[in-house]
Amino acid sequence: MPNSKRLLLASIHDVGPRFEHEVDRLADRMAGLLGGPRFAMLVVPDHWDEAPLSKAKGYQRKLRAWSDAGVEMFLHGWRHRDDSVHVHGVARFRARHMTAGEGEFLGLEREEALRRMRAGRAIVENAIGRPVAGFIAPAWLYGEGARAALLDEDFALTEDHMRVWCPSDGRVLARGPVITWASRSTSRIASSLAFASLARAALDIMPTVRIAVHPGDTKVPSLLNSIDKTVTRFVRDRTVGRYGDLLD
């Protein structure tokens, strides 16, 4: 019997017209595993400047239908691509080793981060007809400018690899590493499979477990199999929740 005090939060990243087919597959798969559309979607307004949501009326209608069905919608950056030049040690390491040029908000100044947040928020909220649930930076990477901009824009929720928090007061709402999978190389596929296997046992002590899937996962059968095993394991004795539940 699922325990209402032990939550499972699931999300689909990189949602937008660029990966329409892959996101459809993930949405169907996750709905089957979770017992309905009980997950979050992280929406990119114009992925790599190649797929503007503002011009994709059909996809806007699709997002609104998902939102009306109960899917939480988060703003997920603006273009997702990192165009900043990172010269300092920690930021340079994170940009080079924690993502493949996808950490868009890692090197932005406050003003530019805020501009992208506001523009992206307007597009997504216009599409879904309601406020976004929060903001989550691409690759879960935030620089000082992005963290400052979060305060200006007053998003209810945000998260990184290790926690979910409320930007307005810094209150940490959940802790623990997010379980995710990487598909861009053989070594990263192997390491993410190993981590998911370990996490299925090691993270059971956590009150809240987070699972995140990406469009690239649909291309690798072993990743899809691991996703199925991981979700099935945690659904067994947890309530499938919403990020908004953490604010209650």
C-alpha atoms as a PDB file:
ATOM      1  CA  MET A   1       0.000   0.000   0.000  1.00  0.00           C
ATOM      2  CA  PRO A   2       1.501   3.383  -0.979  1.00  0.00           C
ATOM      3  CA  ASN A   3       2.447   5.640   1.907  1.00  0.00           C
ATOM      4  CA  SER A   4       1.118   9.205   1.563  1.00  0.00           C
ATOM      5  CA  LYS A   5       4.116  10.572   3.473  1.00  0.00           C
ATOM      6  CA  ARG A   6       6.569   8.968   1.057  1.00  0.00           C
ATOM      7  CA  LEU A   7       6.410  10.643  -2.334  1.00  0.00           C
ATOM      8  CA  LEU A   8       7.547   9.739  -5.806  1.00  0.00           C
ATOM      9  CA  LEU A   9       7.929  12.733  -8.133  1.00  0.00           C
ATOM     10  CA  ALA A  10       8.450  12.077 -11.833  1.00  0.00           C
ATOM     11  CA  SER A  11       9.264  14.518 -14.631  1.00  0.00           C
ATOM     12  CA  ILE A  12       9.819  14.604 -18.386  1.00  0.00           C
ATOM     13  CA  HIS A  13      12.518  17.073 -19.457  1.00  0.00           C
ATOM     14  CA  ASP A  14      13.072  19.029 -22.676  1.00  0.00           C
ATOM     15  CA  VAL A  15       9.402  19.172 -23.630  1.00  0.00           C
ATOM     16  CA  GLY A  16       8.652  21.126 -26.798  1.00  0.00           C
ATOM     17  CA  PRO A  17       8.141  20.846 -30.550  1.00  0.00           C
ATOM     18  CA  ARG A  18      11.735  19.747 -31.187  1.00  0.00           C
ATOM     19  CA  PHE A  19      11.183  16.399 -29.451  1.00  0.00           C
ATOM     20  CA  GLU A  20       7.455  15.979 -30.001  1.00  0.00           C
ATOM     21  CA  HIS A  21       7.560  12.292 -30.931  1.00  0.00           C
ATOM     22  CA  GLU A  22       9.954  11.334 -28.140  1.00  0.00           C
ATOM     23  CA  VAL A  23       7.975  13.258 -25.511  1.00  0.00           C
ATOM     24  CA  ASP A  24       4.751  11.601 -26.668  1.00  0.00           C
ATOM     25  CA  ARG A  25       6.383   8.214 -26.159  1.00  0.00           C
ATOM     26  CA  LEU A  26       7.638   9.148 -22.717  1.00  0.00           C
ATOM     27  CA  ALA A  27       4.285  10.609 -21.672  1.00  0.00           C
ATOM     28  CA  ASP A  28       2.470   7.418 -22.657  1.00  0.00           C
ATOM     29  CA  ARG A  29       5.067   5.261 -20.957  1.00  0.00           C
ATOM     30  CA  MET A  30       5.134   7.245 -17.725  1.00  0.00           C
ATOM     31  CA  ALA A  31       1.339   7.463 -17.567  1.00  0.00           C
ATOM     32  CA  GLY A  32       1.188   3.678 -17.815  1.00  0.00           C
ATOM     33  CA  LEU A  33       3.766   3.196 -15.083  1.00  0.00           C
ATOM     34  CA  LEU A  34       2.373   5.861 -12.753  1.00  0.00           C
ATOM     35  CA  GLY A  35      -1.331   5.191 -13.204  1.00  0.00           C
ATOM     36  CA  GLY A  36      -2.126   8.302 -15.219  1.00  0.00           C
ATOM     37  CA  PRO A  37      -0.590  11.640 -16.228  1.00  0.00           C
ATOM     38  CA  ARG A  38       0.833  12.130 -12.739  1.00  0.00           C
ATOM     39  CA  PHE A  39       4.132  13.707 -13.694  1.00  0.00           C
ATOM     40  CA  ALA A  40       5.685  17.076 -14.438  1.00  0.00           C
ATOM     41  CA  MET A  41       6.810  18.401 -17.799  1.00  0.00           C
ATOM     42  CA  LEU A  42       9.744  20.784 -18.192  1.00  0.00           C
ATOM     43  CA  VAL A  43       9.033  22.999 -21.189  1.00  0.00           C
ATOM     44  CA  VAL A  44      11.720  24.683 -23.310  1.00  0.00           C
ATOM     45  CA  PRO A  45      10.340  27.743 -25.170  1.00  0.00           C
ATOM     46  CA  ASP A  46      12.767  27.548 -28.120  1.00  0.00           C
ATOM     47  CA  HIS A  47      15.108  24.570 -27.928  1.00  0.00           C
ATOM     48  CA  TRP A  48      18.485  25.531 -29.440  1.00  0.00           C
ATOM     49  CA  ASP A  49      16.716  28.327 -31.352  1.00  0.00           C
ATOM     50  CA  GLU A  50      15.258  25.669 -33.624  1.00  0.00           C
ATOM     51  CA  ALA A  51      11.765  24.966 -32.248  1.00  0.00           C
ATOM     52  CA  PRO A  52       9.869  28.077 -31.083  1.00  0.00           C
ATOM     53  CA  LEU A  53       6.853  27.099 -29.005  1.00  0.00           C
ATOM     54  CA  SER A  54       5.346  30.539 -29.681  1.00  0.00           C
ATOM     55  CA  LYS A  55       4.849  29.563 -33.337  1.00  0.00           C
ATOM     56  CA  ALA A  56       3.679  25.990 -32.741  1.00  0.00           C
ATOM     57  CA  LYS A  57      -0.048  26.397 -32.152  1.00  0.00           C
ATOM     58  CA  GLY A  58      -0.701  22.685 -32.346  1.00  0.00           C
ATOM     59  CA  TYR A  59       1.882  21.960 -29.685  1.00  0.00           C
ATOM     60  CA  GLN A  60       0.497  24.717 -27.504  1.00  0.00           C
ATOM     61  CA  ARG A  61      -2.876  22.955 -27.616  1.00  0.00           C
ATOM     62  CA  LYS A  62      -1.189  19.690 -26.714  1.00  0.00           C
ATOM     63  CA  LEU A  63       0.498  21.271 -23.692  1.00  0.00           C
ATOM     64  CA  ARG A  64      -2.802  22.780 -22.547  1.00  0.00           C
ATOM     65  CA  ALA A  65      -4.512  19.387 -22.800  1.00  0.00           C
ATOM     66  CA  TRP A  66      -1.778  17.792 -20.680  1.00  0.00           C
ATOM     67  CA  SER A  67      -1.990  20.634 -18.180  1.00  0.00           C
ATOM     68  CA  ASP A  68      -5.776  20.345 -18.005  1.00  0.00           C
ATOM     69  CA  ALA A  69      -5.314  16.632 -17.287  1.00  0.00           C
ATOM     70  CA  GLY A  70      -3.180  17.450 -14.247  1.00  0.00           C
ATOM     71  CA  VAL A  71       0.384  17.497 -15.576  1.00  0.00           C
ATOM     72  CA  GLU A  72       2.503  20.093 -13.782  1.00  0.00           C
ATOM     73  CA  MET A  73       4.272  22.448 -16.194  1.00  0.00           C
ATOM     74  CA  PHE A  74       7.656  23.966 -15.361  1.00  0.00           C
ATOM     75  CA  LEU A  75       9.604  26.511 -17.356  1.00  0.00           C
ATOM     76  CA  HIS A  76      12.883  24.860 -18.381  1.00  0.00           C
ATOM     77  CA  GLY A  77      15.165  27.672 -19.479  1.00  0.00           C
ATOM     78  CA  TRP A  78      14.757  29.480 -22.781  1.00  0.00           C
ATOM     79  CA  ARG A  79      16.888  27.792 -25.449  1.00  0.00           C
ATOM     80  CA  HIS A  80      18.620  25.159 -23.251  1.00  0.00           C
ATOM     81  CA  ARG A  81      21.957  25.758 -25.009  1.00  0.00           C
ATOM     82  CA  ASP A  82      24.831  27.245 -23.006  1.00  0.00           C
ATOM     83  CA  ASP A  83      26.452  30.117 -24.926  1.00  0.00           C
ATOM     84  CA  SER A  84      28.481  31.478 -21.995  1.00  0.00           C
ATOM     85  CA  VAL A  85      32.273  31.363 -21.752  1.00  0.00           C
ATOM     86  CA  HIS A  86      33.231  29.786 -18.426  1.00  0.00           C
ATOM     87  CA  VAL A  87      36.672  30.821 -17.197  1.00  0.00           C
ATOM     88  CA  HIS A  88      36.415  30.085 -13.475  1.00  0.00           C
ATOM     89  CA  GLY A  89      37.240  26.683 -12.087  1.00  0.00           C
ATOM     90  CA  VAL A  90      33.952  25.381 -10.646  1.00  0.00           C
ATOM     91  CA  ALA A  91      31.699  26.747 -13.398  1.00  0.00           C
ATOM     92  CA  ARG A  92      34.093  25.560 -16.093  1.00  0.00           C
ATOM     93  CA  PHE A  93      34.195  22.052 -14.601  1.00  0.00           C
ATOM     94  CA  ARG A  94      30.406  21.858 -14.301  1.00  0.00           C
ATOM     95  CA  ALA A  95      29.856  23.139 -17.832  1.00  0.00           C
ATOM     96  CA  ARG A  96      32.348  20.689 -19.284  1.00  0.00           C
ATOM     97  CA  HIS A  97      31.623  17.536 -17.268  1.00  0.00           C
ATOM     98  CA  MET A  98      28.018  17.773 -16.033  1.00  0.00           C
ATOM     99  CA  THR A  99      26.401  18.544 -19.383  1.00  0.00           C
ATOM    100  CA  ALA A 100      27.196  18.711 -23.092  1.00  0.00           C
ATOM    101  CA  GLY A 101      26.761  22.423 -23.707  1.00  0.00           C
ATOM    102  CA  GLU A 102      23.268  22.435 -22.191  1.00  0.00           C
ATOM    103  CA  GLY A 103      23.726  24.411 -18.954  1.00  0.00           C
ATOM    104  CA  GLU A 104      22.105  27.584 -20.289  1.00  0.00           C
ATOM    105  CA  PHE A 105      21.704  29.389 -16.946  1.00  0.00           C
ATOM    106  CA  LEU A 106      25.104  28.567 -15.491  1.00  0.00           C
ATOM    107  CA  GLY A 107      26.922  31.635 -16.823  1.00  0.00           C
ATOM    108  CA  LEU A 108      24.176  34.234 -17.325  1.00  0.00           C
ATOM    109  CA  GLU A 109      24.192  37.592 -15.577  1.00  0.00           C
ATOM    110  CA  ARG A 110      21.169  38.423 -13.460  1.00  0.00           C
ATOM    111  CA  GLU A 111      19.553  40.755 -16.009  1.00  0.00           C
ATOM    112  CA  GLU A 112      19.828  38.307 -18.902  1.00  0.00           C
ATOM    113  CA  ALA A 113      18.668  35.373 -16.779  1.00  0.00           C
ATOM    114  CA  LEU A 114      15.641  37.382 -15.680  1.00  0.00           C
ATOM    115  CA  ARG A 115      14.846  38.438 -19.243  1.00  0.00           C
ATOM    116  CA  ARG A 116      14.823  34.828 -20.434  1.00  0.00           C
ATOM    117  CA  MET A 117      12.790  33.674 -17.441  1.00  0.00           C
ATOM    118  CA  ARG A 118      10.118  36.324 -18.008  1.00  0.00           C
ATOM    119  CA  ALA A 119       9.920  35.798 -21.770  1.00  0.00           C
ATOM    120  CA  GLY A 120       9.775  32.023 -21.415  1.00  0.00           C
ATOM    121  CA  ARG A 121       7.231  32.163 -18.621  1.00  0.00           C
ATOM    122  CA  ALA A 122       4.903  34.326 -20.713  1.00  0.00           C
ATOM    123  CA  ILE A 123       5.027  31.879 -23.629  1.00  0.00           C
ATOM    124  CA  VAL A 124       4.423  28.757 -21.545  1.00  0.00           C
ATOM    125  CA  GLU A 125       1.689  30.308 -19.410  1.00  0.00           C
ATOM    126  CA  ASN A 126      -0.058  31.599 -22.518  1.00  0.00           C
ATOM    127  CA  ALA A 127       0.016  28.063 -23.919  1.00  0.00           C
ATOM    128  CA  ILE A 128      -1.316  26.272 -20.838  1.00  0.00           C
ATOM    129  CA  GLY A 129      -3.684  28.969 -19.596  1.00  0.00           C
ATOM    130  CA  ARG A 130      -2.423  28.922 -16.014  1.00  0.00           C
ATOM    131  CA  PRO A 131       0.729  29.749 -13.997  1.00  0.00           C
ATOM    132  CA  VAL A 132       3.750  27.500 -14.341  1.00  0.00           C
ATOM    133  CA  ALA A 133       4.580  25.343 -11.333  1.00  0.00           C
ATOM    134  CA  GLY A 134       8.098  26.777 -11.177  1.00  0.00           C
ATOM    135  CA  PHE A 135      11.416  27.085 -12.965  1.00  0.00           C
ATOM    136  CA  ILE A 136      14.069  24.392 -13.410  1.00  0.00           C
ATOM    137  CA  ALA A 137      17.316  25.320 -15.140  1.00  0.00           C
ATOM    138  CA  PRO A 138      18.586  23.157 -18.011  1.00  0.00           C
ATOM    139  CA  ALA A 139      20.930  20.450 -16.729  1.00  0.00           C
ATOM    140  CA  TRP A 140      19.928  21.578 -13.202  1.00  0.00           C
ATOM    141  CA  LEU A 141      22.774  24.126 -13.323  1.00  0.00           C
ATOM    142  CA  TYR A 142      22.412  27.622 -11.831  1.00  0.00           C
ATOM    143  CA  GLY A 143      24.959  30.397 -11.705  1.00  0.00           C
ATOM    144  CA  GLU A 144      24.837  33.329  -9.312  1.00  0.00           C
ATOM    145  CA  GLY A 145      22.932  35.413 -11.841  1.00  0.00           C
ATOM    146  CA  ALA A 146      20.251  32.772 -12.260  1.00  0.00           C
ATOM    147  CA  ARG A 147      19.817  32.352  -8.518  1.00  0.00           C
ATOM    148  CA  ALA A 148      19.389  36.100  -8.115  1.00  0.00           C
ATOM    149  CA  ALA A 149      16.882  36.238 -10.982  1.00  0.00           C
ATOM    150  CA  LEU A 150      14.808  33.502  -9.335  1.00  0.00           C
ATOM    151  CA  LEU A 151      14.162  35.892  -6.448  1.00  0.00           C
ATOM    152  CA  ASP A 152      13.046  38.661  -8.826  1.00  0.00           C
ATOM    153  CA  GLU A 153      10.639  36.450 -10.756  1.00  0.00           C
ATOM    154  CA  ASP A 154       9.112  34.788  -7.659  1.00  0.00           C
ATOM    155  CA  PHE A 155       8.739  31.237  -8.901  1.00  0.00           C
ATOM    156  CA  ALA A 156       7.074  28.928  -6.370  1.00  0.00           C
ATOM    157  CA  LEU A 157       9.506  26.022  -6.852  1.00  0.00           C
ATOM    158  CA  THR A 158      12.826  25.064  -8.323  1.00  0.00           C
ATOM    159  CA  GLU A 159      15.207  22.111  -8.095  1.00  0.00           C
ATOM    160  CA  ASP A 160      18.745  20.980  -8.821  1.00  0.00           C
ATOM    161  CA  HIS A 161      20.425  17.584  -8.743  1.00  0.00           C
ATOM    162  CA  MET A 162      20.267  17.334  -4.957  1.00  0.00           C
ATOM    163  CA  ARG A 163      17.235  19.264  -3.696  1.00  0.00           C
ATOM    164  CA  VAL A 164      13.927  20.994  -4.315  1.00  0.00           C
ATOM    165  CA  TRP A 165      13.534  24.432  -2.772  1.00  0.00           C
ATOM    166  CA  CYS A 166      11.359  27.529  -2.593  1.00  0.00           C
ATOM    167  CA  PRO A 167      13.327  30.442  -4.143  1.00  0.00           C
ATOM    168  CA  SER A 168      11.506  33.182  -2.223  1.00  0.00           C
ATOM    169  CA  ASP A 169      12.686  32.075   1.212  1.00  0.00           C
ATOM    170  CA  GLY A 170      15.308  29.406   0.476  1.00  0.00           C
ATOM    171  CA  ARG A 171      13.272  26.727   2.239  1.00  0.00           C
ATOM    172  CA  VAL A 172      14.428  23.237   1.211  1.00  0.00           C
ATOM    173  CA  LEU A 173      11.411  21.048   0.484  1.00  0.00           C
ATOM    174  CA  ALA A 174      13.100  17.773  -0.480  1.00  0.00           C
ATOM    175  CA  ARG A 175      16.622  16.381  -0.491  1.00  0.00           C
ATOM    176  CA  GLY A 176      18.370  13.578  -2.289  1.00  0.00           C
ATOM    177  CA  PRO A 177      19.820  12.964  -5.755  1.00  0.00           C
ATOM    178  CA  VAL A 178      17.458  12.861  -8.699  1.00  0.00           C
ATOM    179  CA  ILE A 179      17.515   9.555 -10.573  1.00  0.00           C
ATOM    180  CA  THR A 180      18.092  10.242 -14.241  1.00  0.00           C
ATOM    181  CA  TRP A 181      19.641   8.580 -17.258  1.00  0.00           C
ATOM    182  CA  ALA A 182      22.215   9.761 -19.824  1.00  0.00           C
ATOM    183  CA  SER A 183      22.167   8.578 -23.427  1.00  0.00           C
ATOM    184  CA  ARG A 184      24.902  10.556 -25.160  1.00  0.00           C
ATOM    185  CA  SER A 185      27.739   8.022 -24.831  1.00  0.00           C
ATOM    186  CA  THR A 186      28.323   4.376 -24.031  1.00  0.00           C
ATOM    187  CA  SER A 187      30.111   5.228 -20.798  1.00  0.00           C
ATOM    188  CA  ARG A 188      27.338   7.537 -19.610  1.00  0.00           C
ATOM    189  CA  ILE A 189      24.695   4.958 -20.444  1.00  0.00           C
ATOM    190  CA  ALA A 190      26.604   2.410 -18.356  1.00  0.00           C
ATOM    191  CA  SER A 191      27.084   4.761 -15.406  1.00  0.00           C
ATOM    192  CA  SER A 192      23.450   5.859 -15.351  1.00  0.00           C
ATOM    193  CA  LEU A 193      22.285   2.252 -15.449  1.00  0.00           C
ATOM    194  CA  ALA A 194      24.568   1.472 -12.518  1.00  0.00           C
ATOM    195  CA  PHE A 195      23.368   4.471 -10.523  1.00  0.00           C
ATOM    196  CA  ALA A 196      19.695   3.651 -11.119  1.00  0.00           C
ATOM    197  CA  SER A 197      20.280   0.093  -9.940  1.00  0.00           C
ATOM    198  CA  LEU A 198      21.967   1.358  -6.770  1.00  0.00           C
ATOM    199  CA  ALA A 199      19.317   4.037  -6.225  1.00  0.00           C
ATOM    200  CA  ARG A 200      16.481   1.526  -6.271  1.00  0.00           C
ATOM    201  CA  ALA A 201      17.796   0.247  -2.968  1.00  0.00           C
ATOM    202  CA  ALA A 202      19.768   3.106  -1.473  1.00  0.00           C
ATOM    203  CA  LEU A 203      17.211   5.891  -1.906  1.00  0.00           C
ATOM    204  CA  ASP A 204      14.311   4.036  -0.356  1.00  0.00           C
ATOM    205  CA  ILE A 205      15.111   5.721   2.968  1.00  0.00           C
ATOM    206  CA  MET A 206      14.350   9.158   1.496  1.00  0.00           C
ATOM    207  CA  PRO A 207      10.902  10.694   2.110  1.00  0.00           C
ATOM    208  CA  THR A 208      10.828  11.984  -1.471  1.00  0.00           C
ATOM    209  CA  VAL A 209      12.322  10.253  -4.501  1.00  0.00           C
ATOM    210  CA  ARG A 210      12.652  12.106  -7.828  1.00  0.00           C
ATOM    211  CA  ILE A 211      12.875  10.488 -11.252  1.00  0.00           C
ATOM    212  CA  ALA A 212      13.582  12.439 -14.443  1.00  0.00           C
ATOM    213  CA  VAL A 213      13.529  11.162 -18.019  1.00  0.00           C
ATOM    214  CA  HIS A 214      14.705  12.790 -21.256  1.00  0.00           C
ATOM    215  CA  PRO A 215      13.843  12.436 -24.955  1.00  0.00           C
ATOM    216  CA  GLY A 216      17.162  10.735 -25.672  1.00  0.00           C
ATOM    217  CA  ASP A 217      16.203   7.868 -23.361  1.00  0.00           C
ATOM    218  CA  THR A 218      13.703   6.647 -25.948  1.00  0.00           C
ATOM    219  CA  LYS A 219      16.557   5.683 -28.303  1.00  0.00           C
ATOM    220  CA  VAL A 220      18.201   3.243 -25.881  1.00  0.00           C
ATOM    221  CA  PRO A 221      16.262   0.076 -24.933  1.00  0.00           C
ATOM    222  CA  SER A 222      18.418  -0.610 -21.876  1.00  0.00           C
ATOM    223  CA  LEU A 223      17.588   2.838 -20.494  1.00  0.00           C
ATOM    224  CA  LEU A 224      13.870   2.328 -21.054  1.00  0.00           C
ATOM    225  CA  ASN A 225      14.088  -0.998 -19.271  1.00  0.00           C
ATOM    226  CA  SER A 226      15.891   0.637 -16.347  1.00  0.00           C
ATOM    227  CA  ILE A 227      13.304   3.420 -16.198  1.00  0.00           C
ATOM    228  CA  ASP A 228      10.517   0.836 -16.064  1.00  0.00           C
ATOM    229  CA  LYS A 229      12.240  -1.077 -13.247  1.00  0.00           C
ATOM    230  CA  THR A 230      12.956   2.069 -11.264  1.00  0.00           C
ATOM    231  CA  VAL A 231       9.490   3.585 -11.492  1.00  0.00           C
ATOM    232  CA  THR A 232       7.842   0.229 -10.745  1.00  0.00           C
ATOM    233  CA  ARG A 233      10.040  -0.211  -7.681  1.00  0.00           C
ATOM    234  CA  PHE A 234       9.112   3.104  -6.106  1.00  0.00           C
ATOM    235  CA  VAL A 235       5.437   3.114  -7.107  1.00  0.00           C
ATOM    236  CA  ARG A 236       5.012  -0.012  -5.028  1.00  0.00           C
ATOM    237  CA  ASP A 237       5.056   1.722  -1.642  1.00  0.00           C
ATOM    238  CA  ARG A 238       4.944   5.451  -2.385  1.00  0.00           C
ATOM    239  CA  THR A 239       2.311   7.958  -3.350  1.00  0.00           C
ATOM    240  CA  VAL A 240       2.842   9.352  -6.830  1.00  0.00           C
ATOM    241  CA  GLY A 241       2.758  13.044  -6.025  1.00  0.00           C
ATOM    242  CA  ARG A 242       3.078  16.477  -7.531  1.00  0.00           C
ATOM    243  CA  TYR A 243       5.862  18.942  -6.857  1.00  0.00           C
ATOM    244  CA  GLY A 244       3.180  21.243  -5.504  1.00  0.00           C
ATOM    245  CA  ASP A 245       2.509  18.730  -2.727  1.00  0.00           C
ATOM    246  CA  LEU A 246       5.819  19.765  -1.192  1.00  0.00           C
ATOM    247  CA  LEU A 247       4.399  23.246  -0.535  1.00  0.00           C
ATOM    248  CA  ASP A 248       1.434  21.938   1.468  1.00  0.00           C
END
